Protein backbone atom coordinates (compact mmCIF):
# COMPACT_ATOMS: atom_id res chain seq x y z
CA MET A 1 112.15 173.24 37.47
CA ALA A 2 115.75 172.24 38.40
CA VAL A 3 116.48 168.51 38.73
CA GLN A 4 118.32 168.06 42.01
CA GLN A 5 121.66 166.18 41.66
CA LYS A 6 122.11 162.98 43.55
CA THR A 7 124.97 163.00 46.04
CA GLU A 8 127.90 160.50 45.61
CA LYS A 9 126.24 158.56 48.73
CA GLN A 10 122.94 158.52 46.99
CA LYS A 11 124.49 157.08 43.84
CA MET A 12 126.57 154.62 45.73
CA LEU A 13 123.41 153.32 47.49
CA ALA A 14 121.45 153.16 44.21
CA GLY A 15 124.14 150.96 42.52
CA GLU A 16 125.12 153.70 40.12
CA LEU A 17 128.84 154.88 39.44
CA TYR A 18 130.03 157.09 42.22
CA LEU A 19 133.35 158.67 43.45
CA ALA A 20 134.45 157.22 46.73
CA SER A 21 136.70 160.14 47.21
CA ASP A 22 133.71 162.31 47.80
CA PRO A 23 134.31 164.29 51.17
CA GLU A 24 131.06 162.94 52.75
CA LEU A 25 131.97 159.45 52.04
CA VAL A 26 135.59 159.88 53.16
CA ALA A 27 134.20 161.35 56.51
CA GLU A 28 131.84 158.37 56.93
CA ARG A 29 134.74 155.81 56.32
CA GLN A 30 136.86 157.65 58.93
CA ARG A 31 134.10 157.51 61.28
CA ALA A 32 133.88 153.69 60.77
CA SER A 33 137.61 153.31 60.98
CA GLN A 34 137.68 155.01 64.29
CA LEU A 35 134.72 152.85 65.66
CA THR A 36 136.35 149.67 64.48
CA CYS A 37 139.62 150.63 65.93
CA LEU A 38 138.07 151.18 69.27
CA TYR A 39 136.06 147.94 69.06
CA ASN A 40 139.18 145.88 67.88
CA ALA A 41 140.94 147.17 71.01
CA THR A 42 138.36 145.92 73.46
CA ARG A 43 138.77 142.75 75.59
CA GLU A 44 136.23 139.95 75.66
CA GLU A 45 135.05 140.98 79.15
CA GLU A 46 134.00 144.48 77.97
CA LYS A 47 130.61 143.25 76.67
CA GLU A 48 128.93 146.44 77.27
CA ARG A 49 131.45 148.63 75.68
CA ARG A 50 131.40 146.22 72.59
CA SER A 51 127.67 146.43 72.35
CA GLN A 52 127.61 150.16 72.47
CA LEU A 53 130.18 150.41 69.74
CA LEU A 54 128.29 148.11 67.38
CA GLN A 55 125.17 150.01 68.09
CA ASP A 56 127.06 153.30 67.08
CA LEU A 57 128.85 151.55 63.99
CA PHE A 58 125.91 149.60 62.27
CA ALA A 59 122.51 150.62 60.88
CA GLU A 60 120.77 148.16 62.92
CA VAL A 61 121.85 145.46 65.40
CA SER A 62 119.50 143.00 67.07
CA SER A 63 120.32 140.82 70.11
CA ASN A 64 123.46 139.08 71.02
CA PRO A 65 126.08 139.92 68.31
CA GLN A 66 129.48 138.28 68.83
CA ILE A 67 132.35 139.68 66.74
CA THR A 68 135.79 138.47 67.54
CA PRO A 69 138.47 141.11 66.77
CA THR A 70 139.76 142.00 64.41
CA PHE A 71 136.89 143.19 62.30
CA TYR A 72 136.84 145.74 59.49
CA CYS A 73 134.25 147.55 57.43
CA ASP A 74 133.95 150.55 55.09
CA TYR A 75 131.01 152.47 56.52
CA GLY A 76 129.20 150.15 59.08
CA SER A 77 126.08 152.35 58.54
CA ASN A 78 124.94 150.18 55.69
CA ILE A 79 125.08 146.89 57.80
CA TYR A 80 121.96 145.43 59.21
CA VAL A 81 122.43 142.58 61.77
CA GLY A 82 119.99 139.97 62.92
CA ASP A 83 119.90 138.08 66.20
CA ASN A 84 122.86 135.97 67.30
CA LEU A 85 125.48 137.03 64.77
CA TYR A 86 128.92 135.40 65.14
CA LEU A 87 131.88 136.54 63.21
CA ASN A 88 135.16 134.91 63.84
CA TYR A 89 138.59 136.60 63.63
CA GLY A 90 139.58 138.97 60.77
CA CYS A 91 136.23 139.22 59.05
CA VAL A 92 135.81 142.17 56.49
CA ILE A 93 132.57 143.64 55.31
CA LEU A 94 132.86 146.31 52.43
CA ASP A 95 129.52 147.89 52.84
CA CYS A 96 129.48 150.45 50.16
CA ASN A 97 125.85 149.22 49.60
CA THR A 98 123.41 147.55 52.07
CA VAL A 99 124.46 144.14 53.78
CA TYR A 100 121.68 142.35 55.42
CA LEU A 101 122.95 139.58 57.76
CA GLY A 102 120.14 137.24 59.00
CA ASP A 103 119.50 135.75 62.35
CA ASN A 104 121.84 132.94 63.64
CA LEU A 105 124.69 133.66 60.97
CA LEU A 106 127.92 131.82 61.84
CA CYS A 107 131.08 133.11 60.01
CA GLY A 108 134.35 131.45 60.33
CA PRO A 109 137.54 133.32 60.25
CA TYR A 110 138.51 135.74 57.49
CA VAL A 111 135.12 135.65 55.91
CA GLN A 112 134.83 138.69 53.42
CA ILE A 113 131.68 140.26 52.32
CA TYR A 114 132.02 142.70 49.47
CA THR A 115 129.46 145.11 48.01
CA ALA A 116 132.07 147.22 46.10
CA HIS A 117 133.13 146.52 42.51
CA HIS A 118 134.82 148.39 39.85
CA PRO A 119 134.10 148.87 35.96
CA ILE A 120 135.50 146.29 33.66
CA ASP A 121 136.27 148.93 31.04
CA PRO A 122 139.75 150.40 31.81
CA ALA A 123 138.92 153.83 30.67
CA LEU A 124 135.86 154.02 32.96
CA ARG A 125 137.98 152.54 35.68
CA LEU A 126 140.50 155.34 35.27
CA THR A 127 137.88 157.88 36.29
CA ARG A 128 137.99 156.30 39.89
CA ARG A 129 134.11 155.68 39.87
CA GLU A 130 133.06 152.45 41.24
CA PHE A 131 129.77 150.54 41.89
CA ALA A 132 128.29 148.93 44.79
CA SER A 133 125.64 146.17 44.75
CA PRO A 134 123.77 144.78 47.88
CA VAL A 135 124.39 141.66 49.79
CA GLU A 136 121.81 139.57 51.69
CA ILE A 137 122.46 136.52 53.81
CA GLY A 138 119.56 134.67 55.11
CA ASN A 139 118.81 133.16 58.51
CA ASN A 140 120.78 130.01 60.00
CA VAL A 141 123.55 130.31 57.44
CA TRP A 142 127.09 129.00 58.22
CA MET A 143 129.97 130.33 56.09
CA GLY A 144 133.40 128.45 56.57
CA GLY A 145 136.61 130.28 57.10
CA GLY A 146 137.88 132.27 54.09
CA ALA A 147 134.53 132.30 52.30
CA ILE A 148 134.13 135.41 50.00
CA ILE A 149 130.86 136.85 49.21
CA CYS A 150 130.83 139.07 46.00
CA PRO A 151 128.77 142.06 45.20
CA GLY A 152 125.03 141.37 44.48
CA ALA A 153 125.11 137.87 45.79
CA SER A 154 122.59 136.51 48.20
CA ILE A 155 122.52 133.35 50.27
CA GLY A 156 119.32 131.63 51.26
CA ASP A 157 118.14 130.43 54.77
CA ASN A 158 119.69 127.24 56.14
CA THR A 159 122.54 127.20 53.72
CA THR A 160 126.21 126.07 54.45
CA ILE A 161 128.96 127.90 52.48
CA GLY A 162 132.10 125.76 52.49
CA ALA A 163 135.44 127.25 53.76
CA GLY A 164 137.31 129.04 50.91
CA SER A 165 134.38 129.38 48.64
CA VAL A 166 133.83 132.31 46.31
CA VAL A 167 130.26 133.17 46.03
CA THR A 168 129.90 134.97 42.89
CA LYS A 169 126.09 134.52 42.34
CA SER A 170 123.13 133.98 44.59
CA ILE A 171 122.76 130.59 46.36
CA PRO A 172 119.39 129.27 47.38
CA ALA A 173 117.86 128.23 50.79
CA ASN A 174 118.59 124.69 52.14
CA VAL A 175 121.70 123.76 50.32
CA VAL A 176 125.42 123.08 50.91
CA ALA A 177 127.63 125.06 48.40
CA VAL A 178 131.38 124.97 47.98
CA GLY A 179 134.17 125.88 45.68
CA ASN A 180 135.42 128.70 43.45
CA PRO A 181 133.13 129.64 41.89
CA CYS A 182 130.69 128.33 44.73
CA ARG A 183 128.28 125.74 43.37
CA ILE A 184 125.44 123.60 45.13
CA VAL A 185 126.93 120.08 46.07
CA ARG A 186 123.93 118.91 48.26
CA GLU A 187 120.35 119.85 49.04
CA LEU A 188 119.07 119.82 52.54
CA ILE A 189 115.71 118.16 53.32
């Protein structure tokens, strides 16, 4: 019995080495680029148009998303959005793996969420293969401007991430965390 080979997309979503230059993945990124260009060209009063574009772009969108253009993502189809999302200007989500955004998430300008990362071994990196690890952000989270969430990190409910922080590992619920690398500075009661 022949073993069926995984597609590059299946490898990507499984956290395995994959080739981003695969035609299926290139086509999906082009689709996302077209939709984000259309979204970024909308005006604030075009609420229905914005809503439809986000429905077309994301895997799942709950109620009342507010994304201030400009916004960029790789695929969009790997992003799951809870209720009352707010992304300020210039946010970027590299969703080569799943990104779960909880309810009432507030993101300052230029927040960046990355699932993509590359091999440390230079010989392996030269093959152009890369990895992707999921990111999950809980409910009632606030991330200050310029925060960067690295591949594989998660942020627990009710947590605040300070402006300019680089989240390299998971941060638990009910804390304030800041810095590079991001670390807990206060627990919330």
